[in-house]
Structure formats: structure tokens, C-alpha cells
Amino acid sequence: MEPLRILDCSPPLVREQLDPGRAAELARVFKALGDPVRLRILSIVAGHAGGEVCVCDITGAFDLTQPTISHHLKVLRDVGLLTHERRGSWVYYRLVPESLSRLSALLDIPATV
């Protein structure tokens, strides 16, 4: 599945109303972020030295099965927040900084709206 396009050059929510398609795409990103396990996975990847982490290190941080962790990682990849690279029998994950920056810009709403 291709990463969501909603993260491509979206103006802040207060400048432009979302059309139904963009709202649905953005809702998928927020749904992905709305799970505590996925938030922890993002935190683990973001905080890991070198900016990438082996799936073995992610799996070891949870009391969940490997297929469950793989599902959560796939959801985060599908919405474009993580990318991965296979090296031998291990998979390494990295944040997609551009996606996080665009999501942050989308939510850049002044306190006095």
C-alpha cells in the first residue's frame, strides 16, 4: 500500500477546510497514531541511536507476539510514518522525517484561533 498523500504539502487546518477525501486520509494517520503500542513504537524508533532500530529490539520491548508487532509496524508504514530496510534476516525501521514534519505543519494552529 502506498503511503498517504495527505501529508504532502497540507496547509494548517485553520487555513483551509478539509475535503472529504483528505479528511479520510488524515483520519487514517490519526487512527494509526491513536494506538498506544504504535506511539511507543514510534518513540522507540525516534529515540534509538543512529535513527534506526532492528525489529528484534522493537519486539523485545513489548509483551506481544511478533505477528502483532509486525501488524503495528505495517500500519505505521502504510500511513507513511515509518520506512524499513531488510538486511539479511533482520528488518530495520526508520522514521520518515518529512511525513512527521508535514503532519506537524498541518497541526500548527495558533492558540488564539
Protein backbone atom coordinates (compact mmCIF):
# COMPACT_ATOMS: atom_id res chain seq x y z
CA MET A 1 0.00 0.00 0.00
CA GLU A 2 1.27 3.47 -0.88
CA PRO A 3 1.80 5.99 1.97
CA LEU A 4 -0.91 8.56 2.42
CA ARG A 5 -0.71 11.68 0.29
CA ILE A 6 -2.44 13.85 2.91
CA LEU A 7 0.99 14.56 4.34
CA ASP A 8 2.13 16.15 1.07
CA CYS A 9 2.09 19.95 1.38
CA SER A 10 -1.00 20.28 3.53
CA PRO A 11 -1.71 23.76 4.87
CA PRO A 12 -2.61 24.12 8.55
CA LEU A 13 -6.16 23.07 9.34
CA VAL A 14 -7.20 26.65 10.17
CA ARG A 15 -6.31 27.98 6.72
CA GLU A 16 -8.35 25.61 4.60
CA GLN A 17 -11.28 23.28 5.13
CA LEU A 18 -10.57 19.63 4.52
CA ASP A 19 -12.42 17.99 1.66
CA PRO A 20 -13.90 14.55 2.43
CA GLY A 21 -11.05 12.64 0.75
CA ARG A 22 -8.29 14.49 2.57
CA ALA A 23 -10.18 14.19 5.85
CA ALA A 24 -10.47 10.41 5.38
CA GLU A 25 -6.76 10.09 4.60
CA LEU A 26 -5.78 12.23 7.57
CA ALA A 27 -8.09 10.23 9.82
CA ARG A 28 -6.11 7.09 8.89
CA VAL A 29 -2.91 8.76 10.10
CA PHE A 30 -4.52 9.81 13.37
CA LYS A 31 -6.06 6.36 13.79
CA ALA A 32 -2.59 4.86 13.38
CA LEU A 33 -1.24 7.28 15.98
CA GLY A 34 -4.19 6.64 18.30
CA ASP A 35 -2.90 3.26 19.40
CA PRO A 36 -0.59 3.23 22.47
CA VAL A 37 1.57 0.42 21.06
CA ARG A 38 2.14 2.34 17.83
CA LEU A 39 3.01 5.50 19.74
CA ARG A 40 5.53 3.51 21.77
CA ILE A 41 6.98 2.01 18.58
CA LEU A 42 7.43 5.50 17.11
CA SER A 43 9.07 6.59 20.36
CA ILE A 44 11.45 3.61 20.30
CA VAL A 45 12.45 4.27 16.71
CA ALA A 46 12.81 8.02 17.24
CA GLY A 47 14.91 7.58 20.36
CA HIS A 48 17.22 4.88 19.05
CA ALA A 49 20.84 5.79 18.38
CA GLY A 50 21.54 6.22 14.69
CA GLY A 51 17.91 6.86 13.83
CA GLU A 52 17.03 3.27 13.04
CA VAL A 53 16.18 0.20 15.04
CA CYS A 54 16.11 -3.53 14.36
CA VAL A 55 12.73 -5.20 14.59
CA CYS A 56 14.23 -7.51 17.21
CA ASP A 57 14.73 -4.51 19.51
CA ILE A 58 11.16 -3.35 18.96
CA THR A 59 9.67 -6.78 19.61
CA GLY A 60 11.73 -7.17 22.80
CA ALA A 61 10.20 -4.01 24.26
CA PHE A 62 6.67 -5.45 24.32
CA ASP A 63 4.84 -8.36 25.85
CA LEU A 64 3.19 -9.02 22.47
CA THR A 65 3.67 -11.65 19.80
CA GLN A 66 5.88 -11.00 16.80
CA PRO A 67 2.89 -11.08 14.39
CA THR A 68 1.13 -8.41 16.47
CA ILE A 69 4.20 -6.17 16.40
CA SER A 70 4.52 -6.77 12.65
CA HIS A 71 0.91 -5.67 12.19
CA HIS A 72 1.52 -2.43 14.09
CA LEU A 73 4.68 -1.76 12.08
CA LYS A 74 2.78 -2.34 8.84
CA VAL A 75 0.10 0.16 9.86
CA LEU A 76 2.78 2.78 10.56
CA ARG A 77 4.45 2.05 7.21
CA ASP A 78 1.13 2.19 5.35
CA VAL A 79 0.44 5.72 6.58
CA GLY A 80 3.97 6.81 5.71
CA LEU A 81 5.38 7.37 9.20
CA LEU A 82 7.96 4.57 9.08
CA THR A 83 10.15 3.08 6.39
CA HIS A 84 12.08 -0.17 6.54
CA GLU A 85 15.02 -2.00 5.02
CA ARG A 86 15.71 -5.72 5.10
CA ARG A 87 19.30 -6.72 5.86
CA GLY A 88 19.72 -10.46 5.81
CA SER A 89 17.15 -11.94 8.16
CA TRP A 90 16.53 -8.68 10.06
CA VAL A 91 14.42 -5.66 9.21
CA TYR A 92 15.45 -2.16 10.30
CA TYR A 93 12.96 0.68 10.76
CA ARG A 94 13.40 4.44 10.46
CA LEU A 95 11.07 7.40 10.89
CA VAL A 96 10.11 9.33 7.77
CA PRO A 97 11.05 12.83 8.94
CA GLU A 98 9.28 14.53 6.03
CA SER A 99 5.98 12.91 6.99
CA LEU A 100 6.33 13.93 10.61
CA SER A 101 7.26 17.48 9.60
CA ARG A 102 4.25 17.78 7.29
CA LEU A 103 1.94 16.37 9.95
CA SER A 104 3.37 18.86 12.44
CA ALA A 105 2.86 21.73 9.97
CA LEU A 106 -0.72 20.61 9.38
CA LEU A 107 -1.38 20.86 13.11
CA ASP A 108 0.42 24.19 13.54
CA ILE A 109 -2.62 26.03 14.85
CA PRO A 110 -2.18 29.26 16.82
CA ALA A 111 -3.51 29.18 20.38
CA THR A 112 -5.87 32.09 19.63
CA VAL A 113 -7.95 30.56 16.85
